[in-house]
N, C-alpha and C. Protein backbone atom coordinates (compact mmCIF):
# COMPACT_ATOMS: atom_id res chain seq x y z
N MET A 1 95.20 82.26 125.08
CA MET A 1 96.19 83.31 124.86
C MET A 1 96.68 83.27 123.42
N THR A 2 96.69 84.42 122.75
CA THR A 2 97.16 84.51 121.37
C THR A 2 98.68 84.53 121.33
N ILE A 3 99.29 83.62 120.57
CA ILE A 3 100.74 83.62 120.40
C ILE A 3 101.12 84.76 119.48
N ARG A 4 102.10 85.54 119.88
CA ARG A 4 102.49 86.69 119.08
C ARG A 4 103.17 86.23 117.80
N THR A 5 102.66 86.69 116.66
CA THR A 5 103.16 86.26 115.35
C THR A 5 104.04 87.31 114.69
N TYR A 6 104.41 88.33 115.42
CA TYR A 6 105.18 89.44 114.85
C TYR A 6 106.26 89.87 115.82
N LYS A 7 107.25 90.57 115.29
CA LYS A 7 108.30 91.15 116.12
C LYS A 7 107.95 92.61 116.40
N GLY A 8 108.29 93.06 117.58
CA GLY A 8 108.03 94.45 117.93
C GLY A 8 108.78 95.39 117.01
N ARG A 9 108.10 96.40 116.51
CA ARG A 9 108.73 97.37 115.61
C ARG A 9 108.25 98.76 115.98
N ARG A 10 109.18 99.62 116.30
CA ARG A 10 108.82 101.01 116.60
C ARG A 10 109.98 101.89 116.17
N GLY A 11 109.74 102.73 115.19
CA GLY A 11 110.76 103.68 114.76
C GLY A 11 110.69 104.95 115.60
N ARG A 12 111.65 105.81 115.39
CA ARG A 12 111.64 107.09 116.09
C ARG A 12 110.53 107.96 115.51
N LEU A 13 109.70 108.53 116.37
CA LEU A 13 108.52 109.24 115.92
C LEU A 13 108.74 110.75 115.92
N THR A 14 108.23 111.40 114.87
CA THR A 14 108.24 112.85 114.81
C THR A 14 107.03 113.39 115.58
N ASP A 15 107.03 114.68 115.81
CA ASP A 15 105.88 115.30 116.48
C ASP A 15 104.61 115.08 115.67
N ARG A 16 104.72 115.18 114.36
CA ARG A 16 103.55 114.98 113.50
C ARG A 16 103.01 113.55 113.62
N GLN A 17 103.91 112.59 113.68
CA GLN A 17 103.48 111.20 113.83
C GLN A 17 102.84 110.96 115.19
N LEU A 18 103.38 111.57 116.23
CA LEU A 18 102.79 111.43 117.56
C LEU A 18 101.37 111.96 117.59
N VAL A 19 101.14 113.08 116.91
CA VAL A 19 99.79 113.64 116.82
C VAL A 19 98.88 112.68 116.06
N ALA A 20 99.38 112.11 114.97
CA ALA A 20 98.56 111.19 114.15
C ALA A 20 98.13 109.97 114.96
N LEU A 21 98.96 109.51 115.89
CA LEU A 21 98.62 108.35 116.70
C LEU A 21 97.52 108.64 117.72
N GLN A 22 97.20 109.91 117.90
CA GLN A 22 96.09 110.29 118.80
C GLN A 22 94.79 110.50 118.04
N ASP A 23 94.80 110.26 116.73
CA ASP A 23 93.60 110.44 115.92
C ASP A 23 92.47 109.55 116.45
N PRO A 24 91.31 110.11 116.73
CA PRO A 24 90.21 109.30 117.27
C PRO A 24 89.71 108.21 116.32
N ALA A 25 90.04 108.34 115.04
CA ALA A 25 89.62 107.32 114.07
C ALA A 25 90.48 106.07 114.13
N LEU A 26 91.64 106.16 114.78
CA LEU A 26 92.54 105.00 114.88
C LEU A 26 91.92 103.98 115.82
N LEU A 27 91.81 102.73 115.36
CA LEU A 27 91.14 101.68 116.12
C LEU A 27 92.13 100.81 116.88
N ARG A 28 91.66 100.24 117.97
CA ARG A 28 92.40 99.24 118.70
C ARG A 28 91.88 97.85 118.33
N PRO A 29 92.71 96.83 118.41
CA PRO A 29 92.23 95.48 118.07
C PRO A 29 91.29 94.90 119.12
N GLU A 30 91.42 95.36 120.36
CA GLU A 30 90.56 94.85 121.43
C GLU A 30 89.29 95.68 121.51
N GLY A 31 88.20 95.04 121.95
CA GLY A 31 86.98 95.81 122.17
C GLY A 31 85.74 95.10 121.67
N SER A 32 84.67 95.85 121.60
CA SER A 32 83.39 95.29 121.16
C SER A 32 83.40 95.08 119.64
N GLN A 33 82.48 94.26 119.18
CA GLN A 33 82.41 93.92 117.76
C GLN A 33 82.10 95.17 116.94
N LEU A 34 82.79 95.31 115.82
CA LEU A 34 82.60 96.46 114.94
C LEU A 34 81.36 96.27 114.07
N ASP A 35 80.66 97.36 113.82
CA ASP A 35 79.58 97.35 112.83
C ASP A 35 80.22 97.79 111.51
N LEU A 36 80.74 96.81 110.78
CA LEU A 36 81.49 97.12 109.57
C LEU A 36 80.59 97.66 108.46
N GLY A 37 79.34 97.24 108.44
CA GLY A 37 78.42 97.78 107.45
C GLY A 37 78.22 99.27 107.63
N GLU A 38 78.09 99.71 108.87
CA GLU A 38 77.94 101.14 109.14
C GLU A 38 79.25 101.88 108.92
N LEU A 39 80.35 101.27 109.35
CA LEU A 39 81.65 101.91 109.24
C LEU A 39 82.01 102.18 107.78
N PHE A 40 81.67 101.26 106.91
CA PHE A 40 82.07 101.37 105.51
C PHE A 40 80.90 101.56 104.56
N THR A 41 79.74 101.89 105.07
CA THR A 41 78.54 102.16 104.27
C THR A 41 78.27 101.07 103.23
N GLY A 42 78.40 99.82 103.67
CA GLY A 42 78.01 98.69 102.83
C GLY A 42 78.99 98.29 101.74
N ARG A 43 80.15 98.91 101.67
CA ARG A 43 81.12 98.55 100.63
C ARG A 43 81.79 97.21 100.95
N PRO A 44 82.18 96.41 99.94
CA PRO A 44 82.88 95.16 100.19
C PRO A 44 84.21 95.44 100.90
N ILE A 45 84.53 94.59 101.87
CA ILE A 45 85.64 94.85 102.78
C ILE A 45 86.81 93.91 102.52
N THR A 46 87.99 94.50 102.40
CA THR A 46 89.24 93.75 102.32
C THR A 46 90.00 93.95 103.63
N LEU A 47 90.41 92.85 104.24
CA LEU A 47 91.28 92.91 105.42
C LEU A 47 92.71 92.76 104.97
N GLU A 48 93.56 93.71 105.37
CA GLU A 48 94.99 93.61 105.08
C GLU A 48 95.73 93.42 106.40
N ILE A 49 96.43 92.30 106.52
CA ILE A 49 97.17 91.97 107.74
C ILE A 49 98.63 92.36 107.52
N GLY A 50 99.03 93.48 108.11
CA GLY A 50 100.39 93.99 107.93
C GLY A 50 100.47 94.88 106.71
N PHE A 51 100.84 96.16 106.91
CA PHE A 51 100.94 97.06 105.75
C PHE A 51 102.24 97.86 105.74
N GLY A 52 103.14 97.62 106.66
CA GLY A 52 104.44 98.27 106.61
C GLY A 52 104.36 99.78 106.73
N SER A 53 104.89 100.47 105.74
CA SER A 53 104.90 101.94 105.77
C SER A 53 103.53 102.54 105.53
N GLY A 54 102.63 101.78 104.90
CA GLY A 54 101.28 102.27 104.62
C GLY A 54 101.12 103.01 103.31
N ARG A 55 102.21 103.34 102.63
CA ARG A 55 102.10 104.12 101.39
C ARG A 55 101.33 103.35 100.33
N ARG A 56 101.67 102.07 100.16
CA ARG A 56 100.98 101.25 99.16
C ARG A 56 99.51 101.10 99.52
N THR A 57 99.22 100.94 100.80
CA THR A 57 97.85 100.77 101.24
C THR A 57 97.00 102.00 100.94
N ALA A 58 97.56 103.17 101.19
CA ALA A 58 96.84 104.41 100.89
C ALA A 58 96.60 104.54 99.39
N ASP A 59 97.59 104.17 98.58
CA ASP A 59 97.44 104.24 97.12
C ASP A 59 96.30 103.34 96.65
N ILE A 60 96.24 102.12 97.20
CA ILE A 60 95.21 101.17 96.79
C ILE A 60 93.83 101.68 97.19
N ALA A 61 93.71 102.18 98.41
CA ALA A 61 92.42 102.70 98.87
C ALA A 61 91.95 103.88 98.02
N GLN A 62 92.88 104.73 97.63
CA GLN A 62 92.54 105.88 96.80
C GLN A 62 92.12 105.44 95.40
N ALA A 63 92.77 104.39 94.89
CA ALA A 63 92.47 103.91 93.54
C ALA A 63 91.18 103.10 93.47
N GLU A 64 90.72 102.59 94.62
CA GLU A 64 89.53 101.74 94.65
C GLU A 64 88.51 102.30 95.65
N PRO A 65 87.90 103.44 95.35
CA PRO A 65 87.00 104.08 96.31
C PRO A 65 85.71 103.30 96.58
N ASP A 66 85.37 102.35 95.71
CA ASP A 66 84.15 101.58 95.90
C ASP A 66 84.37 100.37 96.80
N ARG A 67 85.61 100.15 97.24
CA ARG A 67 85.92 99.08 98.16
C ARG A 67 86.34 99.67 99.50
N ALA A 68 86.22 98.89 100.56
CA ALA A 68 86.63 99.32 101.89
C ALA A 68 87.81 98.48 102.35
N PHE A 69 88.67 99.08 103.16
CA PHE A 69 89.88 98.42 103.61
C PHE A 69 90.02 98.53 105.12
N LEU A 70 90.03 97.39 105.77
CA LEU A 70 90.30 97.29 107.20
C LEU A 70 91.72 96.77 107.32
N VAL A 71 92.63 97.57 107.84
CA VAL A 71 94.06 97.23 107.79
C VAL A 71 94.64 97.27 109.19
N ALA A 72 95.53 96.32 109.49
CA ALA A 72 96.09 96.21 110.83
C ALA A 72 97.59 96.01 110.76
N ASP A 73 98.30 96.70 111.65
CA ASP A 73 99.75 96.52 111.76
C ASP A 73 100.19 96.95 113.15
N VAL A 74 101.35 96.42 113.56
CA VAL A 74 101.92 96.78 114.86
C VAL A 74 103.02 97.81 114.73
N PHE A 75 103.45 98.11 113.50
CA PHE A 75 104.56 99.02 113.25
C PHE A 75 104.10 100.46 113.48
N THR A 76 104.50 101.03 114.61
CA THR A 76 103.97 102.32 115.04
C THR A 76 104.22 103.42 114.02
N THR A 77 105.41 103.48 113.46
CA THR A 77 105.73 104.52 112.48
C THR A 77 104.85 104.39 111.24
N GLY A 78 104.68 103.16 110.76
CA GLY A 78 103.83 102.95 109.60
C GLY A 78 102.39 103.30 109.87
N VAL A 79 101.89 102.98 111.05
CA VAL A 79 100.51 103.33 111.42
C VAL A 79 100.34 104.84 111.40
N ALA A 80 101.30 105.55 112.00
CA ALA A 80 101.21 107.02 112.04
C ALA A 80 101.24 107.60 110.63
N ASP A 81 102.14 107.10 109.79
CA ASP A 81 102.25 107.63 108.43
C ASP A 81 100.98 107.36 107.62
N LEU A 82 100.37 106.20 107.83
CA LEU A 82 99.14 105.90 107.11
C LEU A 82 98.00 106.81 107.58
N MET A 83 97.93 107.08 108.87
CA MET A 83 96.90 108.00 109.35
C MET A 83 97.08 109.40 108.76
N ILE A 84 98.33 109.83 108.63
CA ILE A 84 98.61 111.13 108.02
C ILE A 84 98.14 111.13 106.56
N ALA A 85 98.45 110.05 105.84
CA ALA A 85 98.06 109.95 104.42
C ALA A 85 96.55 109.96 104.26
N ILE A 86 95.84 109.29 105.16
CA ILE A 86 94.38 109.25 105.09
C ILE A 86 93.80 110.65 105.23
N ARG A 87 94.33 111.43 106.17
CA ARG A 87 93.84 112.80 106.37
C ARG A 87 94.22 113.69 105.20
N GLU A 88 95.43 113.56 104.70
CA GLU A 88 95.87 114.41 103.60
C GLU A 88 95.08 114.14 102.32
N ARG A 89 94.72 112.88 102.09
CA ARG A 89 94.02 112.50 100.86
C ARG A 89 92.50 112.45 101.05
N ASN A 90 92.05 112.66 102.27
CA ASN A 90 90.61 112.65 102.57
C ASN A 90 89.98 111.32 102.19
N LEU A 91 90.61 110.22 102.60
CA LEU A 91 90.12 108.89 102.28
C LEU A 91 89.06 108.48 103.30
N ASN A 92 87.94 107.99 102.83
CA ASN A 92 86.87 107.58 103.73
C ASN A 92 86.56 106.10 103.63
N ASN A 93 87.43 105.34 102.96
CA ASN A 93 87.17 103.91 102.76
C ASN A 93 88.25 103.03 103.40
N ILE A 94 88.92 103.56 104.41
CA ILE A 94 89.97 102.79 105.05
C ILE A 94 89.93 103.05 106.55
N ALA A 95 90.03 101.96 107.32
CA ALA A 95 90.09 102.04 108.78
C ALA A 95 91.36 101.34 109.24
N VAL A 96 92.10 101.98 110.11
CA VAL A 96 93.40 101.49 110.54
C VAL A 96 93.33 100.98 111.97
N VAL A 97 93.88 99.79 112.16
CA VAL A 97 93.95 99.19 113.49
C VAL A 97 95.41 99.10 113.90
N HIS A 98 95.73 99.66 115.06
CA HIS A 98 97.10 99.62 115.57
C HIS A 98 97.20 98.47 116.57
N GLY A 99 97.70 97.35 116.09
CA GLY A 99 97.83 96.20 116.97
C GLY A 99 97.71 94.88 116.22
N ASP A 100 97.51 93.83 116.98
CA ASP A 100 97.53 92.46 116.49
C ASP A 100 96.26 92.13 115.69
N ALA A 101 96.43 91.77 114.43
CA ALA A 101 95.29 91.45 113.58
C ALA A 101 94.53 90.23 114.07
N LEU A 102 95.20 89.30 114.73
CA LEU A 102 94.51 88.12 115.25
C LEU A 102 93.54 88.49 116.38
N VAL A 103 93.95 89.41 117.23
CA VAL A 103 93.05 89.88 118.28
C VAL A 103 91.87 90.61 117.65
N LEU A 104 92.14 91.42 116.64
CA LEU A 104 91.06 92.10 115.91
C LEU A 104 90.06 91.09 115.37
N LEU A 105 90.54 90.03 114.73
CA LEU A 105 89.66 89.02 114.16
C LEU A 105 88.86 88.31 115.24
N GLN A 106 89.51 88.00 116.35
CA GLN A 106 88.84 87.27 117.41
C GLN A 106 87.77 88.11 118.11
N GLU A 107 88.04 89.39 118.31
CA GLU A 107 87.17 90.20 119.16
C GLU A 107 86.24 91.15 118.40
N ARG A 108 86.66 91.65 117.25
CA ARG A 108 85.94 92.79 116.69
C ARG A 108 85.35 92.56 115.30
N VAL A 109 85.78 91.52 114.61
CA VAL A 109 85.27 91.27 113.25
C VAL A 109 84.17 90.21 113.31
N PRO A 110 82.98 90.52 112.82
CA PRO A 110 81.88 89.54 112.86
C PRO A 110 82.11 88.38 111.89
N THR A 111 81.35 87.33 112.10
CA THR A 111 81.35 86.19 111.18
C THR A 111 80.84 86.63 109.81
N ALA A 112 81.46 86.07 108.75
CA ALA A 112 81.03 86.31 107.36
C ALA A 112 80.97 87.79 107.02
N ALA A 113 82.01 88.54 107.41
CA ALA A 113 82.01 89.99 107.18
C ALA A 113 82.99 90.41 106.08
N LEU A 114 83.96 89.57 105.76
CA LEU A 114 85.05 89.98 104.86
C LEU A 114 84.86 89.42 103.46
N HIS A 115 85.17 90.26 102.47
CA HIS A 115 85.10 89.85 101.07
C HIS A 115 86.46 89.45 100.51
N ALA A 116 87.53 89.86 101.17
CA ALA A 116 88.88 89.54 100.70
C ALA A 116 89.85 89.72 101.86
N VAL A 117 90.97 89.00 101.77
CA VAL A 117 92.05 89.11 102.76
C VAL A 117 93.37 89.17 102.00
N ARG A 118 94.27 90.03 102.47
CA ARG A 118 95.62 90.11 101.91
C ARG A 118 96.63 89.92 103.02
N THR A 119 97.49 88.94 102.84
CA THR A 119 98.55 88.65 103.80
C THR A 119 99.85 88.59 103.01
N TRP A 120 100.42 89.75 102.80
CA TRP A 120 101.63 89.84 101.97
C TRP A 120 102.86 89.98 102.85
N PHE A 121 103.73 88.98 102.76
CA PHE A 121 105.02 88.96 103.45
C PHE A 121 104.90 89.03 104.98
N PRO A 122 104.13 88.09 105.57
CA PRO A 122 104.13 87.99 107.02
C PRO A 122 105.50 87.51 107.49
N ASP A 123 105.82 87.78 108.74
CA ASP A 123 107.12 87.38 109.27
C ASP A 123 107.30 85.87 109.12
N PRO A 124 108.39 85.42 108.46
CA PRO A 124 108.55 83.98 108.21
C PRO A 124 109.03 83.18 109.41
N TRP A 125 109.54 83.84 110.44
CA TRP A 125 110.09 83.13 111.60
C TRP A 125 110.87 81.90 111.13
N PRO A 126 112.03 82.10 110.51
CA PRO A 126 112.72 80.99 109.84
C PRO A 126 113.28 79.90 110.75
N LYS A 127 113.59 80.23 112.00
CA LYS A 127 114.14 79.20 112.89
C LYS A 127 113.04 78.22 113.31
N ALA A 128 113.39 76.94 113.30
CA ALA A 128 112.39 75.90 113.57
C ALA A 128 111.71 76.10 114.91
N ARG A 129 112.45 76.55 115.92
CA ARG A 129 111.85 76.71 117.25
C ARG A 129 110.83 77.85 117.30
N HIS A 130 110.84 78.71 116.26
CA HIS A 130 109.91 79.83 116.20
C HIS A 130 108.73 79.58 115.26
N HIS A 131 108.68 78.43 114.63
CA HIS A 131 107.62 78.17 113.65
C HIS A 131 106.22 78.28 114.27
N LYS A 132 106.12 78.03 115.57
CA LYS A 132 104.81 78.15 116.23
C LYS A 132 104.29 79.59 116.19
N ARG A 133 105.17 80.55 115.91
CA ARG A 133 104.76 81.96 115.83
C ARG A 133 104.29 82.37 114.44
N ARG A 134 104.40 81.50 113.49
CA ARG A 134 103.96 81.86 112.14
C ARG A 134 102.46 82.11 112.11
N LEU A 135 102.10 83.14 111.36
CA LEU A 135 100.69 83.53 111.27
C LEU A 135 99.83 82.43 110.67
N ILE A 136 100.38 81.75 109.67
CA ILE A 136 99.58 80.75 108.97
C ILE A 136 99.69 79.42 109.69
N ASN A 137 98.64 79.09 110.44
CA ASN A 137 98.52 77.79 111.08
C ASN A 137 97.06 77.37 111.01
N ALA A 138 96.77 76.16 111.41
CA ALA A 138 95.42 75.61 111.22
C ALA A 138 94.37 76.44 111.94
N ALA A 139 94.67 76.89 113.16
CA ALA A 139 93.68 77.65 113.93
C ALA A 139 93.37 78.99 113.27
N ASN A 140 94.41 79.67 112.78
CA ASN A 140 94.19 80.98 112.16
C ASN A 140 93.54 80.85 110.80
N VAL A 141 93.83 79.78 110.08
CA VAL A 141 93.15 79.52 108.80
C VAL A 141 91.65 79.33 109.03
N ALA A 142 91.30 78.60 110.09
CA ALA A 142 89.89 78.40 110.42
C ALA A 142 89.23 79.70 110.87
N LEU A 143 89.96 80.51 111.64
CA LEU A 143 89.43 81.80 112.10
C LEU A 143 89.12 82.70 110.91
N LEU A 144 90.03 82.77 109.97
CA LEU A 144 89.79 83.60 108.78
C LEU A 144 88.62 83.07 107.97
N ALA A 145 88.51 81.76 107.87
CA ALA A 145 87.38 81.18 107.13
C ALA A 145 86.06 81.59 107.76
N ASP A 146 86.00 81.62 109.08
CA ASP A 146 84.77 82.00 109.77
C ASP A 146 84.42 83.47 109.51
N ARG A 147 85.42 84.32 109.40
CA ARG A 147 85.17 85.76 109.24
C ARG A 147 84.94 86.16 107.79
N CYS A 148 85.17 85.22 106.85
CA CYS A 148 85.02 85.53 105.42
C CYS A 148 83.69 85.01 104.88
N LEU A 149 83.15 85.74 103.94
CA LEU A 149 81.98 85.28 103.20
C LEU A 149 82.38 84.17 102.22
N PRO A 150 81.47 83.24 101.90
CA PRO A 150 81.76 82.31 100.82
C PRO A 150 82.09 83.09 99.54
N GLY A 151 83.14 82.65 98.86
CA GLY A 151 83.59 83.35 97.66
C GLY A 151 84.68 84.37 97.92
N ALA A 152 84.95 84.67 99.18
CA ALA A 152 86.01 85.63 99.51
C ALA A 152 87.36 85.09 99.03
N VAL A 153 88.23 86.02 98.61
CA VAL A 153 89.53 85.65 98.09
C VAL A 153 90.61 86.03 99.09
N TRP A 154 91.52 85.10 99.33
CA TRP A 154 92.65 85.31 100.24
C TRP A 154 93.94 85.25 99.42
N GLU A 155 94.65 86.36 99.38
CA GLU A 155 95.93 86.45 98.67
C GLU A 155 97.07 86.48 99.68
N LEU A 156 98.10 85.68 99.41
CA LEU A 156 99.27 85.63 100.26
C LEU A 156 100.53 85.72 99.41
N ALA A 157 101.61 86.19 100.02
CA ALA A 157 102.91 86.21 99.34
C ALA A 157 104.00 86.08 100.39
N THR A 158 105.07 85.39 100.02
CA THR A 158 106.24 85.26 100.90
C THR A 158 107.48 85.05 100.05
N ASP A 159 108.62 85.48 100.58
CA ASP A 159 109.89 85.24 99.91
C ASP A 159 110.68 84.15 100.63
N ASP A 160 110.04 83.44 101.55
CA ASP A 160 110.66 82.35 102.28
C ASP A 160 110.11 81.04 101.74
N ALA A 161 110.95 80.23 101.09
CA ALA A 161 110.49 79.02 100.41
C ALA A 161 109.87 78.03 101.39
N ASP A 162 110.47 77.88 102.56
CA ASP A 162 109.92 76.95 103.54
C ASP A 162 108.55 77.39 104.03
N TYR A 163 108.41 78.69 104.25
CA TYR A 163 107.11 79.20 104.70
C TYR A 163 106.07 79.04 103.60
N ALA A 164 106.45 79.26 102.36
CA ALA A 164 105.51 79.08 101.25
C ALA A 164 104.98 77.65 101.22
N GLN A 165 105.88 76.69 101.42
CA GLN A 165 105.47 75.29 101.43
C GLN A 165 104.53 75.01 102.60
N GLN A 166 104.87 75.57 103.78
CA GLN A 166 104.01 75.34 104.94
C GLN A 166 102.64 75.99 104.76
N MET A 167 102.61 77.21 104.18
CA MET A 167 101.34 77.86 103.91
C MET A 167 100.44 76.96 103.07
N ARG A 168 101.00 76.40 102.02
CA ARG A 168 100.21 75.55 101.13
C ARG A 168 99.71 74.31 101.86
N GLN A 169 100.59 73.69 102.62
CA GLN A 169 100.19 72.48 103.34
C GLN A 169 99.03 72.75 104.29
N VAL A 170 99.14 73.83 105.05
CA VAL A 170 98.13 74.13 106.07
C VAL A 170 96.81 74.55 105.42
N ILE A 171 96.87 75.48 104.47
CA ILE A 171 95.63 76.00 103.89
C ILE A 171 94.93 74.94 103.04
N GLU A 172 95.71 74.15 102.31
CA GLU A 172 95.11 73.17 101.41
C GLU A 172 94.59 71.93 102.15
N GLN A 173 94.92 71.81 103.43
CA GLN A 173 94.31 70.76 104.25
C GLN A 173 92.97 71.22 104.83
N SER A 174 92.69 72.50 104.72
CA SER A 174 91.46 73.05 105.28
C SER A 174 90.29 72.76 104.34
N PRO A 175 89.12 72.43 104.89
CA PRO A 175 87.94 72.19 104.03
C PRO A 175 87.30 73.48 103.54
N TRP A 176 87.78 74.64 104.04
CA TRP A 176 87.11 75.91 103.73
C TRP A 176 87.75 76.69 102.58
N TRP A 177 88.93 76.24 102.13
CA TRP A 177 89.66 77.03 101.13
C TRP A 177 90.07 76.16 99.95
N SER A 178 90.01 76.76 98.76
CA SER A 178 90.45 76.07 97.54
C SER A 178 91.35 77.00 96.74
N GLY A 179 92.49 76.47 96.27
CA GLY A 179 93.40 77.30 95.48
C GLY A 179 94.81 76.76 95.55
N GLY A 180 95.78 77.65 95.39
CA GLY A 180 97.18 77.25 95.39
C GLY A 180 98.05 78.36 94.85
N ARG A 181 99.12 77.99 94.18
CA ARG A 181 100.04 78.98 93.63
C ARG A 181 99.33 79.82 92.57
N ALA A 182 99.73 81.07 92.47
CA ALA A 182 99.06 81.99 91.56
C ALA A 182 100.07 82.95 90.95
N GLU A 183 99.62 83.63 89.89
CA GLU A 183 100.43 84.70 89.34
C GLU A 183 100.55 85.82 90.35
N ARG A 184 101.58 86.63 90.21
CA ARG A 184 101.82 87.72 91.15
C ARG A 184 100.59 88.62 91.22
N ALA A 185 100.16 88.92 92.44
CA ALA A 185 99.00 89.78 92.63
C ALA A 185 99.30 91.19 92.13
N ALA A 186 98.25 91.92 91.84
CA ALA A 186 98.39 93.30 91.34
C ALA A 186 98.71 94.22 92.52
N ARG A 187 99.95 94.20 92.94
CA ARG A 187 100.38 95.02 94.07
C ARG A 187 101.64 95.78 93.67
N ALA A 188 101.82 96.94 94.26
CA ALA A 188 103.02 97.73 94.01
C ALA A 188 104.23 97.02 94.60
N LEU A 189 105.37 97.19 93.97
CA LEU A 189 106.61 96.60 94.47
C LEU A 189 107.10 97.40 95.67
N THR A 190 107.06 96.77 96.83
CA THR A 190 107.50 97.46 98.04
C THR A 190 109.02 97.38 98.17
N HIS A 191 109.55 98.19 99.07
CA HIS A 191 110.99 98.17 99.33
C HIS A 191 111.43 96.79 99.81
N TYR A 192 110.61 96.17 100.66
CA TYR A 192 110.94 94.85 101.18
C TYR A 192 111.02 93.82 100.05
N GLU A 193 110.00 93.81 99.17
CA GLU A 193 109.99 92.83 98.09
C GLU A 193 111.13 93.09 97.11
N GLU A 194 111.42 94.36 96.86
CA GLU A 194 112.53 94.69 95.97
C GLU A 194 113.85 94.16 96.51
N ARG A 195 114.06 94.31 97.80
CA ARG A 195 115.30 93.79 98.42
C ARG A 195 115.35 92.27 98.34
N ALA A 196 114.21 91.61 98.53
CA ALA A 196 114.17 90.15 98.44
C ALA A 196 114.56 89.68 97.04
N LEU A 197 114.04 90.35 96.02
CA LEU A 197 114.37 89.98 94.64
C LEU A 197 115.84 90.25 94.33
N GLN A 198 116.35 91.37 94.81
CA GLN A 198 117.76 91.70 94.60
C GLN A 198 118.68 90.69 95.27
N ALA A 199 118.21 90.13 96.38
CA ALA A 199 119.00 89.13 97.09
C ALA A 199 118.87 87.73 96.46
N GLY A 200 118.08 87.63 95.41
CA GLY A 200 117.93 86.36 94.70
C GLY A 200 116.88 85.43 95.27
N ARG A 201 116.04 85.93 96.19
CA ARG A 201 114.99 85.10 96.75
C ARG A 201 113.77 85.10 95.83
N THR A 202 113.12 83.98 95.72
CA THR A 202 111.93 83.83 94.89
C THR A 202 110.69 84.17 95.71
N VAL A 203 109.84 85.00 95.15
CA VAL A 203 108.59 85.35 95.81
C VAL A 203 107.50 84.40 95.33
N THR A 204 106.83 83.77 96.27
CA THR A 204 105.72 82.86 95.96
C THR A 204 104.40 83.56 96.27
N ASP A 205 103.51 83.61 95.30
CA ASP A 205 102.17 84.13 95.50
C ASP A 205 101.18 82.97 95.57
N LEU A 206 100.24 83.07 96.49
CA LEU A 206 99.20 82.07 96.65
C LEU A 206 97.84 82.77 96.62
N ARG A 207 96.83 82.05 96.16
CA ARG A 207 95.49 82.63 96.08
C ARG A 207 94.47 81.54 96.37
N TYR A 208 93.58 81.81 97.34
CA TYR A 208 92.56 80.84 97.74
C TYR A 208 91.19 81.51 97.77
N ARG A 209 90.17 80.68 97.56
CA ARG A 209 88.79 81.16 97.61
C ARG A 209 88.05 80.42 98.72
N ARG A 210 87.27 81.20 99.48
CA ARG A 210 86.49 80.61 100.59
C ARG A 210 85.34 79.81 100.00
N LEU A 211 85.28 78.53 100.36
CA LEU A 211 84.24 77.65 99.86
C LEU A 211 82.96 77.80 100.68
N ALA A 212 81.85 77.48 100.07
CA ALA A 212 80.55 77.56 100.73
C ALA A 212 80.28 76.25 101.46
N VAL A 213 81.05 75.98 102.52
CA VAL A 213 80.85 74.79 103.33
C VAL A 213 80.69 75.23 104.77
N THR A 214 80.09 74.38 105.58
CA THR A 214 79.89 74.69 106.99
C THR A 214 80.74 73.78 107.86
């Protein structure tokens, strides 16, 4: 059984958003394995775990048409808004999954399929009794390593100092990843990150590369 690593989030939906959630292109995390080569016509694939409102994700996909983006989130309003943006901008290099990214990885993403992973500001679950719900743990680090090609880059960011330390401890104990603290990734400043900085919290960026080990 997969431990839930996120809090339920559902905003009030407009009629337009309700229609967007019925889009046949919207994927579920459960199901048969995806043929990502066919889905993205051979383009290198970035997995984004959690995208919030989706505005930044749509901007990145539009700016990088030669790359493909497989993105997953549980935030219903954000999923709907991203589907609307995809249709409005006619983007063909992004696939949206409404649901748990861990289930997606376990059931639908093949081994050695991903060229990059972005995990920006996952829920820190700050209370000690909730730490078991944190996304970054040894099992999930190994799962991501299996789904990534050697040389794949994994970018992470958090504004929780304790979580940043735990991320480093867990990932750097893994034989499949090499890296550590890094300069801020080339990402747009989201509302969440802006609020964190205004509150005086330090954002830690991490960057790891998948090693060619078995």
